C-alpha atoms as a PDB file:
ATOM      1  CA  MET A   1      54.962 -60.061   2.675  1.00  0.00           C
ATOM      2  CA  ASP A   2      55.741 -58.597  -0.697  1.00  0.00           C
ATOM      3  CA  ASP A   3      59.167 -57.914  -2.410  1.00  0.00           C
ATOM      4  CA  SER A   4      59.573 -54.563  -0.583  1.00  0.00           C
ATOM      5  CA  GLY A   5      59.186 -56.126   2.839  1.00  0.00           C
ATOM      6  CA  ARG A   6      55.679 -54.738   3.444  1.00  0.00           C
ATOM      7  CA  ILE A   7      52.860 -56.756   4.820  1.00  0.00           C
ATOM      8  CA  ALA A   8      50.222 -57.184   2.110  1.00  0.00           C
ATOM      9  CA  THR A   9      46.577 -57.127   2.974  1.00  0.00           C
ATOM     10  CA  PRO A  10      43.815 -58.343   0.638  1.00  0.00           C
ATOM     11  CA  GLU A  11      41.430 -55.487   1.423  1.00  0.00           C
ATOM     12  CA  ARG A  12      43.821 -52.707   0.393  1.00  0.00           C
ATOM     13  CA  ILE A  13      45.512 -53.103  -2.941  1.00  0.00           C
ATOM     14  CA  GLU A  14      47.002 -49.792  -4.054  1.00  0.00           C
ATOM     15  CA  VAL A  15      49.008 -47.146  -2.219  1.00  0.00           C
ATOM     16  CA  ARG A  16      46.855 -44.038  -1.990  1.00  0.00           C
ATOM     17  CA  PRO A  17      48.356 -41.521  -4.418  1.00  0.00           C
ATOM     18  CA  MET A  18      47.809 -38.465  -2.220  1.00  0.00           C
ATOM     19  CA  PHE A  19      50.253 -39.972   0.300  1.00  0.00           C
ATOM     20  CA  THR A  20      53.250 -39.717  -2.042  1.00  0.00           C
ATOM     21  CA  GLY A  21      55.544 -36.959  -3.341  1.00  0.00           C
ATOM     22  CA  LEU A  22      55.553 -33.592  -1.521  1.00  0.00           C
ATOM     23  CA  SER A  23      52.954 -32.489   1.065  1.00  0.00           C
ATOM     24  CA  ALA A  24      53.335 -28.827   2.025  1.00  0.00           C
ATOM     25  CA  PHE A  25      52.427 -27.633   5.524  1.00  0.00           C
ATOM     26  CA  PRO A  26      51.323 -24.003   5.496  1.00  0.00           C
ATOM     27  CA  LEU A  27      51.244 -21.467   8.374  1.00  0.00           C
ATOM     28  CA  THR A  28      47.935 -20.360   9.731  1.00  0.00           C
ATOM     29  CA  PRO A  29      48.600 -16.600  10.051  1.00  0.00           C
ATOM     30  CA  MET A  30      46.666 -14.978  12.861  1.00  0.00           C
ATOM     31  CA  SER A  31      46.405 -12.195  15.366  1.00  0.00           C
ATOM     32  CA  GLU A  32      45.203 -12.658  18.858  1.00  0.00           C
ATOM     33  CA  THR A  33      41.634 -11.996  17.707  1.00  0.00           C
ATOM     34  CA  GLU A  34      41.273 -13.613  14.321  1.00  0.00           C
ATOM     35  CA  ILE A  35      42.713 -15.752  11.529  1.00  0.00           C
ATOM     36  CA  ASP A  36      44.074 -13.751   8.610  1.00  0.00           C
ATOM     37  CA  GLU A  37      41.802 -15.515   6.146  1.00  0.00           C
ATOM     38  CA  SER A  38      43.076 -13.672   3.086  1.00  0.00           C
ATOM     39  CA  ALA A  39      46.724 -14.346   3.802  1.00  0.00           C
ATOM     40  CA  PHE A  40      45.997 -17.997   4.511  1.00  0.00           C
ATOM     41  CA  SER A  41      44.025 -18.477   1.394  1.00  0.00           C
ATOM     42  CA  GLY A  42      46.814 -16.802  -0.591  1.00  0.00           C
ATOM     43  CA  ILE A  43      49.416 -19.124   0.891  1.00  0.00           C
ATOM     44  CA  VAL A  44      47.390 -22.213   0.032  1.00  0.00           C
ATOM     45  CA  SER A  45      46.633 -21.061  -3.514  1.00  0.00           C
ATOM     46  CA  ARG A  46      50.346 -20.395  -4.033  1.00  0.00           C
ATOM     47  CA  LEU A  47      51.165 -23.903  -3.009  1.00  0.00           C
ATOM     48  CA  ALA A  48      48.539 -25.346  -5.342  1.00  0.00           C
ATOM     49  CA  ASP A  49      49.864 -23.222  -8.250  1.00  0.00           C
ATOM     50  CA  ALA A  50      53.398 -24.436  -7.522  1.00  0.00           C
ATOM     51  CA  GLY A  51      52.253 -28.005  -8.071  1.00  0.00           C
ATOM     52  CA  VAL A  52      52.767 -29.670  -4.635  1.00  0.00           C
ATOM     53  CA  ASP A  53      51.213 -33.077  -4.453  1.00  0.00           C
ATOM     54  CA  SER A  54      49.090 -32.273  -1.421  1.00  0.00           C
ATOM     55  CA  ILE A  55      48.612 -29.557   1.166  1.00  0.00           C
ATOM     56  CA  SER A  56      48.410 -30.333   4.943  1.00  0.00           C
ATOM     57  CA  ALA A  57      46.637 -27.639   6.775  1.00  0.00           C
ATOM     58  CA  LEU A  58      46.488 -27.440  10.638  1.00  0.00           C
ATOM     59  CA  GLY A  59      49.632 -29.385  11.301  1.00  0.00           C
ATOM     60  CA  SER A  60      52.076 -28.103  13.878  1.00  0.00           C
ATOM     61  CA  THR A  61      53.193 -25.305  11.525  1.00  0.00           C
ATOM     62  CA  GLY A  62      49.500 -24.492  11.221  1.00  0.00           C
ATOM     63  CA  SER A  63      49.215 -23.999  14.976  1.00  0.00           C
ATOM     64  CA  TYR A  64      46.252 -26.378  15.223  1.00  0.00           C
ATOM     65  CA  ALA A  65      46.720 -26.796  19.020  1.00  0.00           C
ATOM     66  CA  TYR A  66      46.073 -23.086  19.630  1.00  0.00           C
ATOM     67  CA  LEU A  67      42.837 -22.786  17.730  1.00  0.00           C
ATOM     68  CA  THR A  68      39.257 -23.317  18.791  1.00  0.00           C
ATOM     69  CA  ARG A  69      36.993 -25.802  17.030  1.00  0.00           C
ATOM     70  CA  GLU A  70      35.238 -23.045  15.068  1.00  0.00           C
ATOM     71  CA  GLU A  71      38.531 -21.541  13.982  1.00  0.00           C
ATOM     72  CA  ARG A  72      39.803 -24.865  12.856  1.00  0.00           C
ATOM     73  CA  LYS A  73      36.559 -25.561  10.954  1.00  0.00           C
ATOM     74  CA  ARG A  74      36.924 -22.235   9.126  1.00  0.00           C
ATOM     75  CA  VAL A  75      40.593 -22.946   8.275  1.00  0.00           C
ATOM     76  CA  ALA A  76      39.621 -26.307   6.830  1.00  0.00           C
ATOM     77  CA  GLN A  77      36.963 -24.700   4.678  1.00  0.00           C
ATOM     78  CA  LEU A  78      39.388 -22.018   3.472  1.00  0.00           C
ATOM     79  CA  ALA A  79      42.134 -24.569   2.712  1.00  0.00           C
ATOM     80  CA  VAL A  80      39.916 -26.767   0.593  1.00  0.00           C
ATOM     81  CA  ALA A  81      38.525 -23.802  -1.255  1.00  0.00           C
ATOM     82  CA  ALA A  82      41.898 -22.247  -1.984  1.00  0.00           C
ATOM     83  CA  ALA A  83      43.610 -25.501  -2.977  1.00  0.00           C
ATOM     84  CA  GLY A  84      41.415 -26.198  -5.976  1.00  0.00           C
ATOM     85  CA  THR A  85      42.091 -29.694  -7.302  1.00  0.00           C
ATOM     86  CA  THR A  86      45.110 -30.254  -4.987  1.00  0.00           C
ATOM     87  CA  PRO A  87      44.113 -32.703  -2.224  1.00  0.00           C
ATOM     88  CA  VAL A  88      44.073 -31.228   1.315  1.00  0.00           C
ATOM     89  CA  MET A  89      44.764 -33.046   4.536  1.00  0.00           C
ATOM     90  CA  ILE A  90      43.427 -31.447   7.766  1.00  0.00           C
ATOM     91  CA  GLY A  91      44.938 -31.886  11.242  1.00  0.00           C
ATOM     92  CA  ILE A  92      42.455 -33.146  13.792  1.00  0.00           C
ATOM     93  CA  GLY A  93      44.542 -33.645  16.923  1.00  0.00           C
ATOM     94  CA  SER A  94      43.024 -32.755  20.315  1.00  0.00           C
ATOM     95  CA  LEU A  95      43.203 -33.851  23.923  1.00  0.00           C
ATOM     96  CA  ARG A  96      39.943 -35.780  24.000  1.00  0.00           C
ATOM     97  CA  THR A  97      38.694 -38.495  21.722  1.00  0.00           C
ATOM     98  CA  ALA A  98      35.230 -36.874  21.548  1.00  0.00           C
ATOM     99  CA  HIS A  99      36.870 -33.629  20.334  1.00  0.00           C
ATOM    100  CA  VAL A 100      38.949 -35.438  17.698  1.00  0.00           C
ATOM    101  CA  ARG A 101      35.822 -37.077  16.378  1.00  0.00           C
ATOM    102  CA  ALA A 102      34.053 -33.654  16.119  1.00  0.00           C
ATOM    103  CA  LEU A 103      37.061 -32.197  14.326  1.00  0.00           C
ATOM    104  CA  ALA A 104      37.188 -35.155  11.945  1.00  0.00           C
ATOM    105  CA  GLU A 105      33.523 -34.509  11.136  1.00  0.00           C
ATOM    106  CA  ASP A 106      34.254 -30.853  10.446  1.00  0.00           C
ATOM    107  CA  ALA A 107      37.174 -31.712   8.191  1.00  0.00           C
ATOM    108  CA  GLN A 108      35.192 -34.147   6.180  1.00  0.00           C
ATOM    109  CA  ASP A 109      32.301 -31.712   5.844  1.00  0.00           C
ATOM    110  CA  ALA A 110      34.784 -29.156   4.566  1.00  0.00           C
ATOM    111  CA  GLY A 111      35.886 -31.548   1.812  1.00  0.00           C
ATOM    112  CA  ALA A 112      39.198 -32.774   3.143  1.00  0.00           C
ATOM    113  CA  ALA A 113      40.785 -35.607   1.220  1.00  0.00           C
ATOM    114  CA  ALA A 114      42.433 -36.963   4.400  1.00  0.00           C
ATOM    115  CA  VAL A 115      42.986 -36.160   8.068  1.00  0.00           C
ATOM    116  CA  LEU A 116      46.135 -36.043  10.199  1.00  0.00           C
ATOM    117  CA  LEU A 117      46.097 -37.208  13.776  1.00  0.00           C
ATOM    118  CA  ALA A 118      48.751 -36.833  16.464  1.00  0.00           C
ATOM    119  CA  PRO A 119      48.114 -38.398  19.948  1.00  0.00           C
ATOM    120  CA  MET A 120      47.953 -35.117  21.885  1.00  0.00           C
ATOM    121  CA  SER A 121      48.121 -35.435  25.660  1.00  0.00           C
ATOM    122  CA  TYR A 122      48.410 -33.686  29.011  1.00  0.00           C
ATOM    123  CA  GLN A 123      48.448 -36.866  30.962  1.00  0.00           C
ATOM    124  CA  GLN A 124      51.095 -39.213  29.562  1.00  0.00           C
ATOM    125  CA  LEU A 125      49.351 -41.686  27.239  1.00  0.00           C
ATOM    126  CA  THR A 126      50.041 -45.464  27.209  1.00  0.00           C
ATOM    127  CA  ALA A 127      50.375 -47.430  23.979  1.00  0.00           C
ATOM    128  CA  GLU A 128      46.905 -48.983  24.553  1.00  0.00           C
ATOM    129  CA  GLU A 129      45.354 -45.594  25.022  1.00  0.00           C
ATOM    130  CA  VAL A 130      46.913 -44.363  21.724  1.00  0.00           C
ATOM    131  CA  PHE A 131      45.773 -47.431  19.889  1.00  0.00           C
ATOM    132  CA  GLY A 132      42.308 -46.891  21.323  1.00  0.00           C
ATOM    133  CA  LEU A 133      42.297 -43.328  20.012  1.00  0.00           C
ATOM    134  CA  TYR A 134      43.010 -44.350  16.443  1.00  0.00           C
ATOM    135  CA  GLU A 135      40.682 -47.293  16.649  1.00  0.00           C
ATOM    136  CA  ALA A 136      37.793 -45.070  17.787  1.00  0.00           C
ATOM    137  CA  VAL A 137      38.445 -42.324  15.202  1.00  0.00           C
ATOM    138  CA  THR A 138      38.983 -44.576  12.157  1.00  0.00           C
ATOM    139  CA  ARG A 139      35.751 -46.369  12.906  1.00  0.00           C
ATOM    140  CA  GLU A 140      33.775 -43.302  11.850  1.00  0.00           C
ATOM    141  CA  LEU A 141      35.966 -41.921   9.073  1.00  0.00           C
ATOM    142  CA  SER A 142      35.023 -41.715   5.391  1.00  0.00           C
ATOM    143  CA  VAL A 143      38.495 -40.447   4.349  1.00  0.00           C
ATOM    144  CA  PRO A 144      41.955 -41.791   4.945  1.00  0.00           C
ATOM    145  CA  LEU A 145      44.013 -40.925   8.022  1.00  0.00           C
ATOM    146  CA  CYS A 146      47.685 -40.195   8.364  1.00  0.00           C
ATOM    147  CA  ILE A 147      49.304 -41.141  11.751  1.00  0.00           C
ATOM    148  CA  TYR A 148      51.243 -38.160  12.996  1.00  0.00           C
ATOM    149  CA  ASP A 149      54.338 -39.418  14.864  1.00  0.00           C
ATOM    150  CA  ASN A 150      55.750 -36.242  16.452  1.00  0.00           C
ATOM    151  CA  PRO A 151      57.317 -36.965  19.871  1.00  0.00           C
ATOM    152  CA  GLY A 152      58.754 -33.459  20.012  1.00  0.00           C
ATOM    153  CA  THR A 153      55.259 -32.009  20.622  1.00  0.00           C
ATOM    154  CA  THR A 154      53.225 -34.990  21.884  1.00  0.00           C
ATOM    155  CA  HIS A 155      55.937 -36.500  24.116  1.00  0.00           C
ATOM    156  CA  PHE A 156      54.726 -39.909  23.007  1.00  0.00           C
ATOM    157  CA  THR A 157      57.090 -42.326  21.270  1.00  0.00           C
ATOM    158  CA  PHE A 158      55.590 -44.868  18.874  1.00  0.00           C
ATOM    159  CA  THR A 159      57.166 -48.286  18.517  1.00  0.00           C
ATOM    160  CA  ASP A 160      57.137 -50.011  15.116  1.00  0.00           C
ATOM    161  CA  GLU A 161      54.885 -52.663  16.636  1.00  0.00           C
ATOM    162  CA  LEU A 162      52.361 -50.054  17.660  1.00  0.00           C
ATOM    163  CA  HIS A 163      52.557 -48.439  14.233  1.00  0.00           C
ATOM    164  CA  GLY A 164      51.800 -51.867  12.762  1.00  0.00           C
ATOM    165  CA  ARG A 165      48.773 -52.428  14.932  1.00  0.00           C
ATOM    166  CA  ILE A 166      47.318 -48.975  14.090  1.00  0.00           C
ATOM    167  CA  ALA A 167      48.186 -49.270  10.417  1.00  0.00           C
ATOM    168  CA  ALA A 168      46.143 -52.404  10.187  1.00  0.00           C
ATOM    169  CA  LEU A 169      43.009 -50.420  11.100  1.00  0.00           C
ATOM    170  CA  PRO A 170      40.719 -49.325   8.270  1.00  0.00           C
ATOM    171  CA  LYS A 171      41.303 -45.964   6.708  1.00  0.00           C
ATOM    172  CA  ILE A 172      44.980 -45.633   7.671  1.00  0.00           C
ATOM    173  CA  GLY A 173      46.771 -44.287   4.631  1.00  0.00           C
ATOM    174  CA  SER A 174      50.183 -43.071   5.806  1.00  0.00           C
ATOM    175  CA  ILE A 175      52.565 -42.624   8.742  1.00  0.00           C
ATOM    176  CA  LYS A 176      54.416 -39.335   9.183  1.00  0.00           C
ATOM    177  CA  ILE A 177      57.671 -40.236  10.997  1.00  0.00           C
ATOM    178  CA  PRO A 178      60.269 -37.974  12.595  1.00  0.00           C
ATOM    179  CA  GLY A 179      63.543 -37.361  10.811  1.00  0.00           C
ATOM    180  CA  VAL A 180      65.600 -40.425   9.870  1.00  0.00           C
ATOM    181  CA  PRO A 181      69.174 -41.103  10.862  1.00  0.00           C
ATOM    182  CA  VAL A 182      71.855 -39.078   9.084  1.00  0.00           C
ATOM    183  CA  ASP A 183      73.704 -42.171   7.841  1.00  0.00           C
ATOM    184  CA  PRO A 184      72.008 -43.414   4.587  1.00  0.00           C
ATOM    185  CA  ALA A 185      72.380 -47.068   5.515  1.00  0.00           C
ATOM    186  CA  GLU A 186      70.966 -46.522   8.960  1.00  0.00           C
ATOM    187  CA  ALA A 187      68.060 -44.485   7.403  1.00  0.00           C
ATOM    188  CA  ALA A 188      67.361 -47.293   4.897  1.00  0.00           C
ATOM    189  CA  GLY A 189      67.329 -49.743   7.799  1.00  0.00           C
ATOM    190  CA  ARG A 190      64.856 -47.555   9.754  1.00  0.00           C
ATOM    191  CA  VAL A 191      62.475 -47.445   6.820  1.00  0.00           C
ATOM    192  CA  ARG A 192      62.752 -51.210   6.124  1.00  0.00           C
ATOM    193  CA  SER A 193      62.058 -51.948   9.799  1.00  0.00           C
ATOM    194  CA  LEU A 194      58.858 -49.919   9.778  1.00  0.00           C
ATOM    195  CA  ARG A 195      57.746 -51.287   6.386  1.00  0.00           C
ATOM    196  CA  SER A 196      58.019 -54.799   7.704  1.00  0.00           C
ATOM    197  CA  GLN A 197      55.311 -53.987  10.259  1.00  0.00           C
ATOM    198  CA  ILE A 198      52.715 -52.214   8.046  1.00  0.00           C
ATOM    199  CA  PRO A 199      50.383 -53.035   5.177  1.00  0.00           C
ATOM    200  CA  SER A 200      51.536 -52.368   1.650  1.00  0.00           C
ATOM    201  CA  THR A 201      48.900 -49.718   1.220  1.00  0.00           C
ATOM    202  CA  VAL A 202      50.249 -47.527   3.982  1.00  0.00           C
ATOM    203  CA  THR A 203      52.993 -45.078   2.940  1.00  0.00           C
ATOM    204  CA  ILE A 204      55.810 -43.747   5.011  1.00  0.00           C
ATOM    205  CA  GLY A 205      56.417 -40.029   5.076  1.00  0.00           C
ATOM    206  CA  VAL A 206      59.488 -38.282   6.409  1.00  0.00           C
ATOM    207  CA  SER A 207      59.360 -35.033   8.331  1.00  0.00           C
ATOM    208  CA  GLY A 208      62.272 -33.192   9.893  1.00  0.00           C
ATOM    209  CA  ASP A 209      63.090 -31.251   6.716  1.00  0.00           C
ATOM    210  CA  ALA A 210      66.832 -31.449   7.047  1.00  0.00           C
ATOM    211  CA  SER A 211      66.638 -35.274   6.711  1.00  0.00           C
ATOM    212  CA  ALA A 212      64.097 -35.265   3.845  1.00  0.00           C
ATOM    213  CA  ALA A 213      66.568 -36.116   1.144  1.00  0.00           C
ATOM    214  CA  THR A 214      68.011 -38.936   3.229  1.00  0.00           C
ATOM    215  CA  GLY A 215      64.524 -40.249   4.017  1.00  0.00           C
ATOM    216  CA  LEU A 216      63.249 -40.094   0.451  1.00  0.00           C
ATOM    217  CA  ASN A 217      66.472 -41.700  -0.811  1.00  0.00           C
ATOM    218  CA  ALA A 218      66.030 -44.414   1.785  1.00  0.00           C
ATOM    219  CA  GLY A 219      62.585 -45.305   0.448  1.00  0.00           C
ATOM    220  CA  CYS A 220      60.097 -42.984   2.126  1.00  0.00           C
ATOM    221  CA  ASP A 221      57.099 -42.322  -0.172  1.00  0.00           C
ATOM    222  CA  VAL A 222      56.387 -38.704   0.788  1.00  0.00           C
ATOM    223  CA  TRP A 223      58.016 -35.628   2.344  1.00  0.00           C
ATOM    224  CA  TYR A 224      55.752 -33.942   4.846  1.00  0.00           C
ATOM    225  CA  SER A 225      57.438 -30.510   4.662  1.00  0.00           C
ATOM    226  CA  VAL A 226      57.379 -27.356   6.695  1.00  0.00           C
ATOM    227  CA  LEU A 227      59.604 -25.462   4.258  1.00  0.00           C
ATOM    228  CA  ALA A 228      57.435 -26.353   1.289  1.00  0.00           C
ATOM    229  CA  GLY A 229      54.682 -24.299   2.940  1.00  0.00           C
ATOM    230  CA  VAL A 230      56.637 -21.180   2.014  1.00  0.00           C
ATOM    231  CA  LEU A 231      59.277 -22.262  -0.432  1.00  0.00           C
ATOM    232  CA  PRO A 232      57.682 -25.008  -2.555  1.00  0.00           C
ATOM    233  CA  THR A 233      60.034 -24.660  -5.557  1.00  0.00           C
ATOM    234  CA  PRO A 234      63.271 -26.066  -4.078  1.00  0.00           C
ATOM    235  CA  CYS A 235      61.304 -28.631  -2.087  1.00  0.00           C
ATOM    236  CA  LEU A 236      59.593 -29.909  -5.229  1.00  0.00           C
ATOM    237  CA  ALA A 237      62.984 -30.061  -7.031  1.00  0.00           C
ATOM    238  CA  LEU A 238      64.434 -32.162  -4.244  1.00  0.00           C
ATOM    239  CA  THR A 239      61.412 -34.471  -4.078  1.00  0.00           C
ATOM    240  CA  ARG A 240      61.284 -34.981  -7.832  1.00  0.00           C
ATOM    241  CA  ALA A 241      64.988 -35.715  -8.007  1.00  0.00           C
ATOM    242  CA  SER A 242      64.711 -38.481  -5.502  1.00  0.00           C
ATOM    243  CA  GLN A 243      61.523 -39.819  -7.143  1.00  0.00           C
ATOM    244  CA  ASN A 244      63.358 -40.015 -10.382  1.00  0.00           C
ATOM    245  CA  GLY A 245      66.199 -41.942  -8.865  1.00  0.00           C
ATOM    246  CA  ASP A 246      68.679 -39.035  -8.857  1.00  0.00           C
ATOM    247  CA  GLN A 247      69.715 -39.356  -5.185  1.00  0.00           C
ATOM    248  CA  ASP A 248      72.857 -37.302  -5.618  1.00  0.00           C
ATOM    249  CA  THR A 249      70.877 -34.286  -6.824  1.00  0.00           C
ATOM    250  CA  ALA A 250      68.368 -34.677  -3.987  1.00  0.00           C
ATOM    251  CA  THR A 251      71.229 -34.732  -1.468  1.00  0.00           C
ATOM    252  CA  GLU A 252      72.969 -31.795  -3.142  1.00  0.00           C
ATOM    253  CA  LEU A 253      69.791 -29.708  -2.988  1.00  0.00           C
ATOM    254  CA  SER A 254      69.347 -30.516   0.651  1.00  0.00           C
ATOM    255  CA  ASN A 255      72.942 -29.511   1.324  1.00  0.00           C
ATOM    256  CA  ARG A 256      72.365 -26.240  -0.418  1.00  0.00           C
ATOM    257  CA  LEU A 257      69.491 -25.601   1.946  1.00  0.00           C
ATOM    258  CA  GLU A 258      71.666 -26.081   5.029  1.00  0.00           C
ATOM    259  CA  PRO A 259      71.557 -22.335   5.965  1.00  0.00           C
ATOM    260  CA  ILE A 260      67.813 -22.746   6.507  1.00  0.00           C
ATOM    261  CA  TRP A 261      68.185 -26.148   8.276  1.00  0.00           C
ATOM    262  CA  GLU A 262      70.657 -24.536  10.669  1.00  0.00           C
ATOM    263  CA  LEU A 263      68.090 -21.864  11.538  1.00  0.00           C
ATOM    264  CA  PHE A 264      65.389 -24.475  11.963  1.00  0.00           C
ATOM    265  CA  ARG A 265      67.579 -26.333  14.525  1.00  0.00           C
ATOM    266  CA  ALA A 266      68.474 -23.195  16.374  1.00  0.00           C
ATOM    267  CA  HIS A 267      65.040 -21.437  16.535  1.00  0.00           C
ATOM    268  CA  GLY A 268      62.325 -23.949  15.620  1.00  0.00           C
ATOM    269  CA  SER A 269      60.887 -24.312  12.161  1.00  0.00           C
ATOM    270  CA  VAL A 270      57.602 -22.517  12.789  1.00  0.00           C
ATOM    271  CA  ARG A 271      59.347 -19.312  13.829  1.00  0.00           C
ATOM    272  CA  VAL A 272      61.678 -19.434  10.793  1.00  0.00           C
ATOM    273  CA  VAL A 273      58.926 -20.084   8.224  1.00  0.00           C
ATOM    274  CA  SER A 274      56.964 -17.284   9.832  1.00  0.00           C
ATOM    275  CA  ALA A 275      59.871 -14.961   9.199  1.00  0.00           C
ATOM    276  CA  VAL A 276      60.321 -16.265   5.668  1.00  0.00           C
ATOM    277  CA  ALA A 277      56.627 -15.722   5.014  1.00  0.00           C
ATOM    278  CA  GLU A 278      56.938 -12.137   6.248  1.00  0.00           C
ATOM    279  CA  HIS A 279      60.052 -11.562   4.106  1.00  0.00           C
ATOM    280  CA  LEU A 280      58.170 -12.823   1.044  1.00  0.00           C
ATOM    281  CA  GLY A 281      55.261 -10.558   1.811  1.00  0.00           C
ATOM    282  CA  LEU A 282      52.844 -13.440   2.308  1.00  0.00           C
ATOM    283  CA  VAL A 283      51.739 -12.472   5.840  1.00  0.00           C
ATOM    284  CA  GLU A 284      51.715  -9.499   8.155  1.00  0.00           C
ATOM    285  CA  SER A 285      53.647  -9.362  11.544  1.00  0.00           C
ATOM    286  CA  PRO A 286      52.921 -10.675  14.007  1.00  0.00           C
ATOM    287  CA  ASN A 287      51.289 -13.881  12.739  1.00  0.00           C
ATOM    288  CA  LEU A 288      51.942 -16.542  15.415  1.00  0.00           C
ATOM    289  CA  PRO A 289      49.665 -17.379  18.345  1.00  0.00           C
ATOM    290  CA  GLN A 290      50.817 -15.929  21.605  1.00  0.00           C
ATOM    291  CA  PRO A 291      52.700 -16.752  23.708  1.00  0.00           C
ATOM    292  CA  VAL A 292      54.706 -17.898  20.700  1.00  0.00           C
ATOM    293  CA  ARG A 293      56.739 -15.031  19.383  1.00  0.00           C
ATOM    294  CA  GLY A 294      58.382 -14.373  16.117  1.00  0.00           C
ATOM    295  CA  LEU A 295      62.078 -13.997  15.733  1.00  0.00           C
ATOM    296  CA  ASP A 296      64.004 -10.912  16.937  1.00  0.00           C
ATOM    297  CA  ALA A 297      65.475  -8.439  14.526  1.00  0.00           C
ATOM    298  CA  ALA A 298      68.984  -9.923  14.558  1.00  0.00           C
ATOM    299  CA  THR A 299      67.770 -13.448  13.775  1.00  0.00           C
ATOM    300  CA  ARG A 300      65.422 -12.105  11.085  1.00  0.00           C
ATOM    301  CA  SER A 301      68.526 -10.681   9.464  1.00  0.00           C
ATOM    302  CA  ARG A 302      70.067 -14.180   9.525  1.00  0.00           C
ATOM    303  CA  VAL A 303      66.912 -15.505   7.815  1.00  0.00           C
ATOM    304  CA  THR A 304      67.279 -12.878   5.110  1.00  0.00           C
ATOM    305  CA  ALA A 305      70.939 -13.771   4.663  1.00  0.00           C
ATOM    306  CA  ALA A 306      70.052 -17.467   4.377  1.00  0.00           C
ATOM    307  CA  LEU A 307      67.453 -16.788   1.716  1.00  0.00           C
ATOM    308  CA  GLU A 308      70.027 -14.755  -0.210  1.00  0.00           C
ATOM    309  CA  GLN A 309      72.413 -17.711  -0.101  1.00  0.00           C
ATOM    310  CA  VAL A 310      69.799 -20.035  -1.680  1.00  0.00           C
ATOM    311  CA  ASP A 311      68.184 -17.382  -3.967  1.00  0.00           C
ATOM    312  CA  ASP A 312      68.972 -19.327  -7.181  1.00  0.00           C
ATOM    313  CA  LEU A 313      66.955 -22.262  -5.886  1.00  0.00           C
ATOM    314  CA  LEU A 314      63.856 -20.195  -5.301  1.00  0.00           C
END
C-alpha cells in the first residue's frame, strides 16, 4: 500500500492521464427515426474546443440504453471524429455479455481511447455475475475500461470489496462513483475507503454534479460531468480550482451553480441539459428518445432563469 492508501501493483505503474480532470458527457440528440448527426458532432467539437480533458459519449446522458448497436457504432465514430485530439470514452453497457463484447469491439474500431461499462440488468444481478461480466469483457479489450457505478439506473449497488476485485482485473482504468456525502470529512472518508481497496493505477471519478466539488476536494481524480456536456466553461473552472488546491473557489463555484443543481434534483439531469442545449441553440426539439420527454414550458422558463443567474460563469 502506498502513502495515499492505495494498493500498488507491479504491473501498473502510472495513473492513466485520460482518467483525470474533467470528462464531459454529451447528449445524443435524436428524433424517433434518426440521430441528429450534425448536432451531435457540433456538441462534441464544442467540448473539445473548450479544453475538457476527455469526452464520454453514450453514457446515461447520451441515452445509450435506447439505441441499437448500429446507432451506437455510428455515434462512436462521430464522437471520435469530432473530438480531434481529445480522448473519447464510449459507453458499452447492454443486457447481455455477448452484446457488451460486440459494442466494445465497435468502440475500439471507431478509435475510442476507453470504454465505460455499467452492469445493466432486467433480472437482478448478483455480485458474482457482475464480476463475471467485467472479467469476460476486460479479457478481450485493448483499451482501458471505466467501471460505471450508477445504482440509480442499474439498480445494482457495488461494495468496495467488489470494486477492488474488479479493479484488479487487467485494463481497468477508473471507477465512476455516485455522488459523495455532503459533509467534506465524510466524503474524504468515502474516497479513502475505496482507495484502500483498489490498485494505485485506477482513478476514482465523482458523478452526481452537485457533489463534484466536494468529491474533487476529497481526493477524487476526475469529475464525470453531465453539465460539462453543455456548459464546459464553469465545470472546467471548478475542476481546475480543485486541482490547483483552491478548494474554497471550487466550492464557491459549485454553490453558484445551485440553481441548476436544484433543477437536476427536481427533474433529472438529462431533461435539464436537453433544455439547456435547446436554449443555447445546440439541438432541435424534441431531442430525447421517447417515451422520455423534454421539460414543459413552465419548467423551461425556470431553466432559462437559472442560466441567467449564472450567466457570468458561462
